[in-house]
Amino acid sequence: MMQSMKAATQWICVLTGACFVGWTHDHTDEIPVVLGIVLILSAILGLVFPAKPWLTGFLLGAPVFLVETLVHFGVIGAPYHPSAGLPWPALLGFVPSMGGALFGSAVRHLSKAVHPAG
């Protein structure tokens, strides 16, 4: 019961974070701000939920590419001009998301290794 509650909480937190990243990316033209938010959110969620950092990283990095693709095809509007072709450079949004999630998970696992009784 407790495991399913923790898994549900992780899904809710990660998907809420992903929606926030997508909304932020759609409403600003400042890419460093969005990537900073991705890095901070993924590190915090990797620290809180260290079991599956790859899932956290993937789900928080995907909205950057998804929003860029939707802007390119004119499905949603953004305060910047869409790219000429598919926005392949937006895949670099996975770098801070995976890095942050893996870092947070590693810190959590290291803290358990140092304090095995806690």
PDB file of N, CA and C in Angstrom:
ATOM      1  N   MET A   1       0.823  -1.198   0.000  1.00  0.00           N
ATOM      2  CA  MET A   1       0.000   0.000   0.000  1.00  0.00           C
ATOM      3  C   MET A   1       0.865   1.258   0.000  1.00  0.00           C
ATOM      4  N   MET A   2       1.905   1.242   0.851  1.00  0.00           N
ATOM      5  CA  MET A   2       2.766   2.421   0.953  1.00  0.00           C
ATOM      6  C   MET A   2       3.570   2.636  -0.332  1.00  0.00           C
ATOM      7  N   GLN A   3       3.998   1.533  -0.965  1.00  0.00           N
ATOM      8  CA  GLN A   3       4.755   1.649  -2.217  1.00  0.00           C
ATOM      9  C   GLN A   3       3.894   2.252  -3.319  1.00  0.00           C
ATOM     10  N   SER A   4       2.634   1.827  -3.412  1.00  0.00           N
ATOM     11  CA  SER A   4       1.770   2.364  -4.460  1.00  0.00           C
ATOM     12  C   SER A   4       1.456   3.840  -4.210  1.00  0.00           C
ATOM     13  N   MET A   5       1.371   4.211  -2.928  1.00  0.00           N
ATOM     14  CA  MET A   5       1.127   5.620  -2.584  1.00  0.00           C
ATOM     15  C   MET A   5       2.343   6.472  -2.969  1.00  0.00           C
ATOM     16  N   LYS A   6       3.542   5.936  -2.720  1.00  0.00           N
ATOM     17  CA  LYS A   6       4.752   6.674  -3.070  1.00  0.00           C
ATOM     18  C   LYS A   6       4.903   6.791  -4.593  1.00  0.00           C
ATOM     19  N   ALA A   7       4.564   5.710  -5.307  1.00  0.00           N
ATOM     20  CA  ALA A   7       4.636   5.747  -6.773  1.00  0.00           C
ATOM     21  C   ALA A   7       3.634   6.749  -7.337  1.00  0.00           C
ATOM     22  N   ALA A   8       2.440   6.770  -6.777  1.00  0.00           N
ATOM     23  CA  ALA A   8       1.434   7.728  -7.244  1.00  0.00           C
ATOM     24  C   ALA A   8       1.886   9.158  -6.958  1.00  0.00           C
ATOM     25  N   THR A   9       2.474   9.373  -5.799  1.00  0.00           N
ATOM     26  CA  THR A   9       2.971  10.705  -5.456  1.00  0.00           C
ATOM     27  C   THR A   9       4.086  11.114  -6.405  1.00  0.00           C
ATOM     28  N   GLN A  10       4.973  10.168  -6.742  1.00  0.00           N
ATOM     29  CA  GLN A  10       6.053  10.482  -7.678  1.00  0.00           C
ATOM     30  C   GLN A  10       5.493  10.862  -9.041  1.00  0.00           C
ATOM     31  N   TRP A  11       4.527  10.094  -9.547  1.00  0.00           N
ATOM     32  CA  TRP A  11       3.936  10.404 -10.849  1.00  0.00           C
ATOM     33  C   TRP A  11       3.270  11.772 -10.843  1.00  0.00           C
ATOM     34  N   ILE A  12       2.540  12.067  -9.781  1.00  0.00           N
ATOM     35  CA  ILE A  12       1.860  13.361  -9.697  1.00  0.00           C
ATOM     36  C   ILE A  12       2.867  14.500  -9.685  1.00  0.00           C
ATOM     37  N   CYS A  13       3.920  14.363  -8.876  1.00  0.00           N
ATOM     38  CA  CYS A  13       4.934  15.426  -8.781  1.00  0.00           C
ATOM     39  C   CYS A  13       5.688  15.609 -10.087  1.00  0.00           C
ATOM     40  N   VAL A  14       6.091  14.507 -10.716  1.00  0.00           N
ATOM     41  CA  VAL A  14       6.872  14.599 -11.958  1.00  0.00           C
ATOM     42  C   VAL A  14       6.012  15.150 -13.094  1.00  0.00           C
ATOM     43  N   LEU A  15       4.787  14.691 -13.220  1.00  0.00           N
ATOM     44  CA  LEU A  15       3.926  15.193 -14.301  1.00  0.00           C
ATOM     45  C   LEU A  15       3.525  16.648 -14.073  1.00  0.00           C
ATOM     46  N   THR A  16       3.332  17.039 -12.810  1.00  0.00           N
ATOM     47  CA  THR A  16       3.070  18.445 -12.519  1.00  0.00           C
ATOM     48  C   THR A  16       4.284  19.296 -12.885  1.00  0.00           C
ATOM     49  N   GLY A  17       5.467  18.816 -12.543  1.00  0.00           N
ATOM     50  CA  GLY A  17       6.695  19.519 -12.909  1.00  0.00           C
ATOM     51  C   GLY A  17       6.861  19.621 -14.420  1.00  0.00           C
ATOM     52  N   ALA A  18       6.524  18.544 -15.134  1.00  0.00           N
ATOM     53  CA  ALA A  18       6.627  18.555 -16.597  1.00  0.00           C
ATOM     54  C   ALA A  18       5.657  19.559 -17.206  1.00  0.00           C
ATOM     55  N   CYS A  19       4.447  19.620 -16.658  1.00  0.00           N
ATOM     56  CA  CYS A  19       3.474  20.617 -17.149  1.00  0.00           C
ATOM     57  C   CYS A  19       3.970  22.036 -16.887  1.00  0.00           C
ATOM     58  N   PHE A  20       4.572  22.238 -15.718  1.00  0.00           N
ATOM     59  CA  PHE A  20       5.120  23.562 -15.400  1.00  0.00           C
ATOM     60  C   PHE A  20       6.259  23.935 -16.349  1.00  0.00           C
ATOM     61  N   VAL A  21       7.129  22.969 -16.656  1.00  0.00           N
ATOM     62  CA  VAL A  21       8.231  23.233 -17.596  1.00  0.00           C
ATOM     63  C   VAL A  21       7.671  23.584 -18.966  1.00  0.00           C
ATOM     64  N   GLY A  22       6.683  22.823 -19.439  1.00  0.00           N
ATOM     65  CA  GLY A  22       6.074  23.113 -20.740  1.00  0.00           C
ATOM     66  C   GLY A  22       5.413  24.484 -20.770  1.00  0.00           C
ATOM     67  N   TRP A  23       4.677  24.811 -19.714  1.00  0.00           N
ATOM     68  CA  TRP A  23       4.018  26.118 -19.642  1.00  0.00           C
ATOM     69  C   TRP A  23       5.059  27.240 -19.624  1.00  0.00           C
ATOM     70  N   THR A  24       6.107  27.063 -18.821  1.00  0.00           N
ATOM     71  CA  THR A  24       7.155  28.086 -18.739  1.00  0.00           C
ATOM     72  C   THR A  24       7.840  28.279 -20.086  1.00  0.00           C
ATOM     73  N   HIS A  25       8.133  27.177 -20.750  1.00  0.00           N
ATOM     74  CA  HIS A  25       8.817  27.269 -22.045  1.00  0.00           C
ATOM     75  C   HIS A  25       7.928  27.940 -23.092  1.00  0.00           C
ATOM     76  N   ASP A  26       6.635  27.724 -22.989  1.00  0.00           N
ATOM     77  CA  ASP A  26       5.717  28.339 -23.939  1.00  0.00           C
ATOM     78  C   ASP A  26       5.537  29.831 -23.681  1.00  0.00           C
ATOM     79  N   HIS A  27       5.768  30.279 -22.461  1.00  0.00           N
ATOM     80  CA  HIS A  27       5.500  31.667 -22.102  1.00  0.00           C
ATOM     81  C   HIS A  27       6.741  32.544 -21.967  1.00  0.00           C
ATOM     82  N   THR A  28       7.905  32.014 -22.270  1.00  0.00           N
ATOM     83  CA  THR A  28       9.111  32.841 -22.233  1.00  0.00           C
ATOM     84  C   THR A  28      10.008  32.485 -23.415  1.00  0.00           C
ATOM     85  N   ASP A  29      10.798  33.437 -23.825  1.00  0.00           N
ATOM     86  CA  ASP A  29      11.763  33.166 -24.889  1.00  0.00           C
ATOM     87  C   ASP A  29      13.173  33.032 -24.327  1.00  0.00           C
ATOM     88  N   GLU A  30      13.290  32.963 -23.017  1.00  0.00           N
ATOM     89  CA  GLU A  30      14.586  32.831 -22.354  1.00  0.00           C
ATOM     90  C   GLU A  30      14.893  31.362 -22.088  1.00  0.00           C
ATOM     91  N   ILE A  31      15.644  30.749 -22.980  1.00  0.00           N
ATOM     92  CA  ILE A  31      15.962  29.326 -22.863  1.00  0.00           C
ATOM     93  C   ILE A  31      16.780  29.014 -21.604  1.00  0.00           C
ATOM     94  N   PRO A  32      17.772  29.848 -21.217  1.00  0.00           N
ATOM     95  CA  PRO A  32      18.519  29.524 -19.989  1.00  0.00           C
ATOM     96  C   PRO A  32      17.638  29.461 -18.742  1.00  0.00           C
ATOM     97  N   VAL A  33      16.601  30.287 -18.696  1.00  0.00           N
ATOM     98  CA  VAL A  33      15.684  30.251 -17.552  1.00  0.00           C
ATOM     99  C   VAL A  33      14.948  28.914 -17.519  1.00  0.00           C
ATOM    100  N   VAL A  34      14.463  28.491 -18.664  1.00  0.00           N
ATOM    101  CA  VAL A  34      13.736  27.217 -18.737  1.00  0.00           C
ATOM    102  C   VAL A  34      14.654  26.059 -18.382  1.00  0.00           C
ATOM    103  N   LEU A  35      15.870  26.043 -18.922  1.00  0.00           N
ATOM    104  CA  LEU A  35      16.793  24.951 -18.623  1.00  0.00           C
ATOM    105  C   LEU A  35      17.228  24.969 -17.160  1.00  0.00           C
ATOM    106  N   GLY A  36      17.320  26.152 -16.570  1.00  0.00           N
ATOM    107  CA  GLY A  36      17.622  26.239 -15.138  1.00  0.00           C
ATOM    108  C   GLY A  36      16.491  25.664 -14.302  1.00  0.00           C
ATOM    109  N   ILE A  37      15.260  25.958 -14.685  1.00  0.00           N
ATOM    110  CA  ILE A  37      14.106  25.390 -13.987  1.00  0.00           C
ATOM    111  C   ILE A  37      14.100  23.874 -14.130  1.00  0.00           C
ATOM    112  N   VAL A  38      14.402  23.392 -15.326  1.00  0.00           N
ATOM    113  CA  VAL A  38      14.462  21.940 -15.559  1.00  0.00           C
ATOM    114  C   VAL A  38      15.522  21.309 -14.658  1.00  0.00           C
ATOM    115  N   LEU A  39      16.692  21.927 -14.591  1.00  0.00           N
ATOM    116  CA  LEU A  39      17.782  21.384 -13.772  1.00  0.00           C
ATOM    117  C   LEU A  39      17.402  21.349 -12.293  1.00  0.00           C
ATOM    118  N   ILE A  40      16.865  22.437 -11.786  1.00  0.00           N
ATOM    119  CA  ILE A  40      16.512  22.512 -10.365  1.00  0.00           C
ATOM    120  C   ILE A  40      15.378  21.534 -10.033  1.00  0.00           C
ATOM    121  N   LEU A  41      14.339  21.516 -10.855  1.00  0.00           N
ATOM    122  CA  LEU A  41      13.221  20.602 -10.596  1.00  0.00           C
ATOM    123  C   LEU A  41      13.653  19.145 -10.652  1.00  0.00           C
ATOM    124  N   SER A  42      14.450  18.788 -11.647  1.00  0.00           N
ATOM    125  CA  SER A  42      14.865  17.394 -11.762  1.00  0.00           C
ATOM    126  C   SER A  42      15.791  16.990 -10.621  1.00  0.00           C
ATOM    127  N   ALA A  43      16.648  17.899 -10.163  1.00  0.00           N
ATOM    128  CA  ALA A  43      17.517  17.575  -9.026  1.00  0.00           C
ATOM    129  C   ALA A  43      16.695  17.377  -7.754  1.00  0.00           C
ATOM    130  N   ILE A  44      15.708  18.237  -7.528  1.00  0.00           N
ATOM    131  CA  ILE A  44      14.865  18.099  -6.336  1.00  0.00           C
ATOM    132  C   ILE A  44      14.048  16.811  -6.398  1.00  0.00           C
ATOM    133  N   LEU A  45      13.451  16.545  -7.543  1.00  0.00           N
ATOM    134  CA  LEU A  45      12.643  15.327  -7.661  1.00  0.00           C
ATOM    135  C   LEU A  45      13.511  14.069  -7.646  1.00  0.00           C
ATOM    136  N   GLY A  46      14.727  14.143  -8.171  1.00  0.00           N
ATOM    137  CA  GLY A  46      15.646  13.014  -8.073  1.00  0.00           C
ATOM    138  C   GLY A  46      16.078  12.759  -6.644  1.00  0.00           C
ATOM    139  N   LEU A  47      16.175  13.816  -5.864  1.00  0.00           N
ATOM    140  CA  LEU A  47      16.529  13.690  -4.452  1.00  0.00           C
ATOM    141  C   LEU A  47      15.367  13.110  -3.647  1.00  0.00           C
ATOM    142  N   VAL A  48      14.162  13.557  -3.924  1.00  0.00           N
ATOM    143  CA  VAL A  48      12.989  13.087  -3.182  1.00  0.00           C
ATOM    144  C   VAL A  48      12.587  11.671  -3.613  1.00  0.00           C
ATOM    145  N   PHE A  49      12.677  11.395  -4.916  1.00  0.00           N
ATOM    146  CA  PHE A  49      12.314  10.080  -5.460  1.00  0.00           C
ATOM    147  C   PHE A  49      13.526   9.482  -6.184  1.00  0.00           C
ATOM    148  N   PRO A  50      14.463   8.878  -5.441  1.00  0.00           N
ATOM    149  CA  PRO A  50      15.718   8.433  -6.060  1.00  0.00           C
ATOM    150  C   PRO A  50      15.635   7.102  -6.803  1.00  0.00           C
ATOM    151  N   ALA A  51      14.514   6.401  -6.760  1.00  0.00           N
ATOM    152  CA  ALA A  51      14.454   5.056  -7.334  1.00  0.00           C
ATOM    153  C   ALA A  51      14.567   5.045  -8.861  1.00  0.00           C
ATOM    154  N   LYS A  52      13.939   5.979  -9.540  1.00  0.00           N
ATOM    155  CA  LYS A  52      13.919   5.988 -11.011  1.00  0.00           C
ATOM    156  C   LYS A  52      14.320   7.353 -11.551  1.00  0.00           C
ATOM    157  N   PRO A  53      15.585   7.725 -11.441  1.00  0.00           N
ATOM    158  CA  PRO A  53      15.977   9.054 -11.931  1.00  0.00           C
ATOM    159  C   PRO A  53      15.879   9.188 -13.438  1.00  0.00           C
ATOM    160  N   TRP A  54      16.049   8.104 -14.176  1.00  0.00           N
ATOM    161  CA  TRP A  54      15.952   8.161 -15.636  1.00  0.00           C
ATOM    162  C   TRP A  54      14.536   8.543 -16.067  1.00  0.00           C
ATOM    163  N   LEU A  55      13.528   8.053 -15.328  1.00  0.00           N
ATOM    164  CA  LEU A  55      12.150   8.396 -15.655  1.00  0.00           C
ATOM    165  C   LEU A  55      11.862   9.866 -15.359  1.00  0.00           C
ATOM    166  N   THR A  56      12.340  10.320 -14.204  1.00  0.00           N
ATOM    167  CA  THR A  56      12.176  11.728 -13.836  1.00  0.00           C
ATOM    168  C   THR A  56      12.859  12.626 -14.862  1.00  0.00           C
ATOM    169  N   GLY A  57      14.093  12.283 -15.234  1.00  0.00           N
ATOM    170  CA  GLY A  57      14.831  13.082 -16.208  1.00  0.00           C
ATOM    171  C   GLY A  57      14.155  13.119 -17.563  1.00  0.00           C
ATOM    172  N   PHE A  58      13.666  11.974 -17.998  1.00  0.00           N
ATOM    173  CA  PHE A  58      13.007  11.934 -19.307  1.00  0.00           C
ATOM    174  C   PHE A  58      11.729  12.759 -19.320  1.00  0.00           C
ATOM    175  N   LEU A  59      10.906  12.593 -18.285  1.00  0.00           N
ATOM    176  CA  LEU A  59       9.618  13.292 -18.270  1.00  0.00           C
ATOM    177  C   LEU A  59       9.764  14.798 -18.070  1.00  0.00           C
ATOM    178  N   LEU A  60      10.836  15.247 -17.423  1.00  0.00           N
ATOM    179  CA  LEU A  60      11.033  16.692 -17.257  1.00  0.00           C
ATOM    180  C   LEU A  60      11.758  17.315 -18.450  1.00  0.00           C
ATOM    181  N   GLY A  61      12.463  16.517 -19.228  1.00  0.00           N
ATOM    182  CA  GLY A  61      13.154  17.046 -20.407  1.00  0.00           C
ATOM    183  C   GLY A  61      12.301  17.046 -21.659  1.00  0.00           C
ATOM    184  N   ALA A  62      11.329  16.160 -21.711  1.00  0.00           N
ATOM    185  CA  ALA A  62      10.492  16.023 -22.904  1.00  0.00           C
ATOM    186  C   ALA A  62       9.656  17.264 -23.236  1.00  0.00           C
ATOM    187  N   PRO A  63       9.118  18.004 -22.258  1.00  0.00           N
ATOM    188  CA  PRO A  63       8.279  19.156 -22.624  1.00  0.00           C
ATOM    189  C   PRO A  63       9.010  20.228 -23.433  1.00  0.00           C
ATOM    190  N   VAL A  64      10.298  20.365 -23.254  1.00  0.00           N
ATOM    191  CA  VAL A  64      11.046  21.378 -24.017  1.00  0.00           C
ATOM    192  C   VAL A  64      10.951  21.064 -25.509  1.00  0.00           C
ATOM    193  N   PHE A  65      11.230  19.823 -25.884  1.00  0.00           N
ATOM    194  CA  PHE A  65      11.154  19.428 -27.289  1.00  0.00           C
ATOM    195  C   PHE A  65       9.706  19.418 -27.771  1.00  0.00           C
ATOM    196  N   LEU A  66       8.796  18.957 -26.932  1.00  0.00           N
ATOM    197  CA  LEU A  66       7.393  18.889 -27.317  1.00  0.00           C
ATOM    198  C   LEU A  66       6.822  20.275 -27.601  1.00  0.00           C
ATOM    199  N   VAL A  67       7.101  21.233 -26.731  1.00  0.00           N
ATOM    200  CA  VAL A  67       6.591  22.598 -26.942  1.00  0.00           C
ATOM    201  C   VAL A  67       7.220  23.208 -28.193  1.00  0.00           C
ATOM    202  N   GLU A  68       8.516  23.013 -28.386  1.00  0.00           N
ATOM    203  CA  GLU A  68       9.170  23.537 -29.597  1.00  0.00           C
ATOM    204  C   GLU A  68       8.546  22.952 -30.860  1.00  0.00           C
ATOM    205  N   THR A  69       8.226  21.666 -30.843  1.00  0.00           N
ATOM    206  CA  THR A  69       7.614  21.020 -32.003  1.00  0.00           C
ATOM    207  C   THR A  69       6.200  21.548 -32.236  1.00  0.00           C
ATOM    208  N   LEU A  70       5.434  21.733 -31.164  1.00  0.00           N
ATOM    209  CA  LEU A  70       4.076  22.264 -31.318  1.00  0.00           C
ATOM    210  C   LEU A  70       4.085  23.711 -31.809  1.00  0.00           C
ATOM    211  N   VAL A  71       5.055  24.494 -31.378  1.00  0.00           N
ATOM    212  CA  VAL A  71       5.190  25.871 -31.877  1.00  0.00           C
ATOM    213  C   VAL A  71       5.572  25.847 -33.352  1.00  0.00           C
ATOM    214  N   HIS A  72       6.471  24.938 -33.720  1.00  0.00           N
ATOM    215  CA  HIS A  72       6.905  24.830 -35.123  1.00  0.00           C
ATOM    216  C   HIS A  72       5.722  24.544 -36.052  1.00  0.00           C
ATOM    217  N   PHE A  73       4.822  23.657 -35.623  1.00  0.00           N
ATOM    218  CA  PHE A  73       3.675  23.303 -36.465  1.00  0.00           C
ATOM    219  C   PHE A  73       2.487  24.237 -36.279  1.00  0.00           C
ATOM    220  N   GLY A  74       2.632  25.263 -35.446  1.00  0.00           N
ATOM    221  CA  GLY A  74       1.578  26.256 -35.279  1.00  0.00           C
ATOM    222  C   GLY A  74       0.413  25.806 -34.411  1.00  0.00           C
ATOM    223  N   VAL A  75       0.598  24.750 -33.649  1.00  0.00           N
ATOM    224  CA  VAL A  75      -0.477  24.265 -32.787  1.00  0.00           C
ATOM    225  C   VAL A  75      -0.672  25.201 -31.599  1.00  0.00           C
ATOM    226  N   ILE A  76       0.434  25.707 -31.063  1.00  0.00           N
ATOM    227  CA  ILE A  76       0.365  26.673 -29.965  1.00  0.00           C
ATOM    228  C   ILE A  76       1.204  27.888 -30.337  1.00  0.00           C
ATOM    229  N   GLY A  77       0.908  28.995 -29.707  1.00  0.00           N
ATOM    230  CA  GLY A  77       1.671  30.219 -29.949  1.00  0.00           C
ATOM    231  C   GLY A  77       2.742  30.391 -28.882  1.00  0.00           C
ATOM    232  N   ALA A  78       3.749  31.144 -29.211  1.00  0.00           N
ATOM    233  CA  ALA A  78       4.836  31.414 -28.272  1.00  0.00           C
ATOM    234  C   ALA A  78       5.357  32.826 -28.534  1.00  0.00           C
ATOM    235  N   PRO A  79       6.048  33.434 -27.557  1.00  0.00           N
ATOM    236  CA  PRO A  79       6.554  34.790 -27.744  1.00  0.00           C
ATOM    237  C   PRO A  79       7.827  34.865 -28.595  1.00  0.00           C
ATOM    238  N   TYR A  80       8.133  33.810 -29.321  1.00  0.00           N
ATOM    239  CA  TYR A  80       9.313  33.787 -30.179  1.00  0.00           C
ATOM    240  C   TYR A  80       8.927  33.145 -31.509  1.00  0.00           C
ATOM    241  N   HIS A  81       9.753  33.351 -32.508  1.00  0.00           N
ATOM    242  CA  HIS A  81       9.485  32.786 -33.829  1.00  0.00           C
ATOM    243  C   HIS A  81       9.857  31.308 -33.843  1.00  0.00           C
ATOM    244  N   PRO A  82       9.048  30.490 -34.513  1.00  0.00           N
ATOM    245  CA  PRO A  82       9.378  29.066 -34.586  1.00  0.00           C
ATOM    246  C   PRO A  82      10.617  28.833 -35.442  1.00  0.00           C
ATOM    247  N   SER A  83      11.253  27.713 -35.211  1.00  0.00           N
ATOM    248  CA  SER A  83      12.447  27.375 -35.983  1.00  0.00           C
ATOM    249  C   SER A  83      12.055  27.000 -37.407  1.00  0.00           C
ATOM    250  N   ALA A  84      13.037  27.027 -38.302  1.00  0.00           N
ATOM    251  CA  ALA A  84      12.777  26.740 -39.713  1.00  0.00           C
ATOM    252  C   ALA A  84      12.434  25.268 -39.924  1.00  0.00           C
ATOM    253  N   GLY A  85      13.131  24.389 -39.238  1.00  0.00           N
ATOM    254  CA  GLY A  85      12.866  22.958 -39.348  1.00  0.00           C
ATOM    255  C   GLY A  85      12.450  22.417 -37.994  1.00  0.00           C
ATOM    256  N   LEU A  86      12.391  21.112 -37.916  1.00  0.00           N
ATOM    257  CA  LEU A  86      12.094  20.525 -36.616  1.00  0.00           C
ATOM    258  C   LEU A  86      13.158  20.949 -35.609  1.00  0.00           C
ATOM    259  N   PRO A  87      12.772  21.244 -34.391  1.00  0.00           N
ATOM    260  CA  PRO A  87      13.700  21.807 -33.401  1.00  0.00           C
ATOM    261  C   PRO A  87      14.576  20.756 -32.725  1.00  0.00           C
ATOM    262  N   TRP A  88      15.445  20.124 -33.495  1.00  0.00           N
ATOM    263  CA  TRP A  88      16.314  19.090 -32.925  1.00  0.00           C
ATOM    264  C   TRP A  88      17.199  19.604 -31.795  1.00  0.00           C
ATOM    265  N   PRO A  89      17.682  20.857 -31.839  1.00  0.00           N
ATOM    266  CA  PRO A  89      18.495  21.341 -30.702  1.00  0.00           C
ATOM    267  C   PRO A  89      17.732  21.361 -29.376  1.00  0.00           C
ATOM    268  N   ALA A  90      16.404  21.364 -29.423  1.00  0.00           N
ATOM    269  CA  ALA A  90      15.629  21.343 -28.184  1.00  0.00           C
ATOM    270  C   ALA A  90      15.782  20.022 -27.432  1.00  0.00           C
ATOM    271  N   LEU A  91      16.295  19.004 -28.112  1.00  0.00           N
ATOM    272  CA  LEU A  91      16.577  17.745 -27.428  1.00  0.00           C
ATOM    273  C   LEU A  91      17.657  17.918 -26.369  1.00  0.00           C
ATOM    274  N   LEU A  92      18.414  19.014 -26.454  1.00  0.00           N
ATOM    275  CA  LEU A  92      19.425  19.282 -25.427  1.00  0.00           C
ATOM    276  C   LEU A  92      18.780  19.566 -24.073  1.00  0.00           C
ATOM    277  N   GLY A  93      17.473  19.750 -24.034  1.00  0.00           N
ATOM    278  CA  GLY A  93      16.766  19.894 -22.765  1.00  0.00           C
ATOM    279  C   GLY A  93      16.864  18.646 -21.901  1.00  0.00           C
ATOM    280  N   PHE A  94      17.188  17.513 -22.528  1.00  0.00           N
ATOM    281  CA  PHE A  94      17.369  16.281 -21.764  1.00  0.00           C
ATOM    282  C   PHE A  94      18.665  16.286 -20.964  1.00  0.00           C
ATOM    283  N   VAL A  95      19.636  17.103 -21.345  1.00  0.00           N
ATOM    284  CA  VAL A  95      20.916  17.123 -20.632  1.00  0.00           C
ATOM    285  C   VAL A  95      20.743  17.620 -19.192  1.00  0.00           C
ATOM    286  N   PRO A  96      20.169  18.809 -18.965  1.00  0.00           N
ATOM    287  CA  PRO A  96      20.003  19.221 -17.568  1.00  0.00           C
ATOM    288  C   PRO A  96      18.976  18.377 -16.813  1.00  0.00           C
ATOM    289  N   SER A  97      17.975  17.868 -17.510  1.00  0.00           N
ATOM    290  CA  SER A  97      16.966  17.081 -16.797  1.00  0.00           C
ATOM    291  C   SER A  97      17.539  15.744 -16.327  1.00  0.00           C
ATOM    292  N   MET A  98      18.253  15.059 -17.192  1.00  0.00           N
ATOM    293  CA  MET A  98      18.872  13.785 -16.791  1.00  0.00           C
ATOM    294  C   MET A  98      19.983  14.023 -15.780  1.00  0.00           C
ATOM    295  N   GLY A  99      20.785  15.049 -16.020  1.00  0.00           N
ATOM    296  CA  GLY A  99      21.876  15.352 -15.089  1.00  0.00           C
ATOM    297  C   GLY A  99      21.370  15.703 -13.707  1.00  0.00           C
ATOM    298  N   GLY A 100      20.337  16.525 -13.631  1.00  0.00           N
ATOM    299  CA  GLY A 100      19.777  16.903 -12.338  1.00  0.00           C
ATOM    300  C   GLY A 100      19.157  15.728 -11.612  1.00  0.00           C
ATOM    301  N   ALA A 101      18.392  14.909 -12.339  1.00  0.00           N
ATOM    302  CA  ALA A 101      17.742  13.759 -11.706  1.00  0.00           C
ATOM    303  C   ALA A 101      18.773  12.740 -11.219  1.00  0.00           C
ATOM    304  N   LEU A 102      19.786  12.479 -12.038  1.00  0.00           N
ATOM    305  CA  LEU A 102      20.828  11.528 -11.621  1.00  0.00           C
ATOM    306  C   LEU A 102      21.648  12.080 -10.460  1.00  0.00           C
ATOM    307  N   PHE A 103      21.900  13.382 -10.465  1.00  0.00           N
ATOM    308  CA  PHE A 103      22.624  14.003  -9.354  1.00  0.00           C
ATOM    309  C   PHE A 103      21.821  13.903  -8.062  1.00  0.00           C
ATOM    310  N   GLY A 104      20.543  14.246  -8.115  1.00  0.00           N
ATOM    311  CA  GLY A 104      19.701  14.168  -6.925  1.00  0.00           C
ATOM    312  C   GLY A 104      19.612  12.754  -6.388  1.00  0.00           C
ATOM    313  N   SER A 105      19.471  11.790  -7.282  1.00  0.00           N
ATOM    314  CA  SER A 105      19.405  10.392  -6.866  1.00  0.00           C
ATOM    315  C   SER A 105      20.719   9.933  -6.252  1.00  0.00           C
ATOM    316  N   ALA A 106      21.826  10.356  -6.846  1.00  0.00           N
ATOM    317  CA  ALA A 106      23.141   9.974  -6.313  1.00  0.00           C
ATOM    318  C   ALA A 106      23.369  10.567  -4.929  1.00  0.00           C
ATOM    319  N   VAL A 107      22.976  11.814  -4.731  1.00  0.00           N
ATOM    320  CA  VAL A 107      23.120  12.443  -3.415  1.00  0.00           C
ATOM    321  C   VAL A 107      22.297  11.682  -2.387  1.00  0.00           C
ATOM    322  N   ARG A 108      21.089  11.300  -2.741  1.00  0.00           N
ATOM    323  CA  ARG A 108      20.229  10.558  -1.808  1.00  0.00           C
ATOM    324  C   ARG A 108      20.836   9.200  -1.475  1.00  0.00           C
ATOM    325  N   HIS A 109      21.362   8.496  -2.499  1.00  0.00           N
ATOM    326  CA  HIS A 109      21.974   7.191  -2.246  1.00  0.00           C
ATOM    327  C   HIS A 109      23.260   7.316  -1.445  1.00  0.00           C
ATOM    328  N   LEU A 110      24.024   8.359  -1.693  1.00  0.00           N
ATOM    329  CA  LEU A 110      25.246   8.573  -0.911  1.00  0.00           C
ATOM    330  C   LEU A 110      24.935   8.894   0.535  1.00  0.00           C
ATOM    331  N   SER A 111      23.881   9.669   0.776  1.00  0.00           N
ATOM    332  CA  SER A 111      23.537   9.994   2.151  1.00  0.00           C
ATOM    333  C   SER A 111      23.063   8.755   2.911  1.00  0.00           C
ATOM    334  N   LYS A 112      22.418   7.820   2.222  1.00  0.00           N
ATOM    335  CA  LYS A 112      22.027   6.557   2.857  1.00  0.00           C
ATOM    336  C   LYS A 112      23.242   5.696   3.139  1.00  0.00           C
ATOM    337  N   ALA A 113      24.246   5.747   2.270  1.00  0.00           N
ATOM    338  CA  ALA A 113      25.451   4.949   2.465  1.00  0.00           C
ATOM    339  C   ALA A 113      26.265   5.461   3.644  1.00  0.00           C
ATOM    340  N   VAL A 114      26.270   6.758   3.854  1.00  0.00           N
ATOM    341  CA  VAL A 114      27.032   7.358   4.954  1.00  0.00           C
ATOM    342  C   VAL A 114      26.307   7.139   6.273  1.00  0.00           C
ATOM    343  N   HIS A 115      24.981   7.206   6.271  1.00  0.00           N
ATOM    344  CA  HIS A 115      24.173   7.041   7.486  1.00  0.00           C
ATOM    345  C   HIS A 115      23.263   5.816   7.317  1.00  0.00           C
ATOM    346  N   PRO A 116      23.808   4.598   7.411  1.00  0.00           N
ATOM    347  CA  PRO A 116      22.980   3.420   7.131  1.00  0.00           C
ATOM    348  C   PRO A 116      21.853   3.215   8.144  1.00  0.00           C
ATOM    349  N   ALA A 117      21.949   3.765   9.317  1.00  0.00           N
ATOM    350  CA  ALA A 117      20.890   3.560  10.317  1.00  0.00           C
ATOM    351  C   ALA A 117      19.681   4.445  10.056  1.00  0.00           C
ATOM    352  N   GLY A 118      19.854   5.527   9.242  1.00  0.00           N
ATOM    353  CA  GLY A 118      18.774   6.495   9.031  1.00  0.00           C
ATOM    354  C   GLY A 118      18.035   6.244   7.839  1.00  0.00           C
TER     355      GLY A 118
END
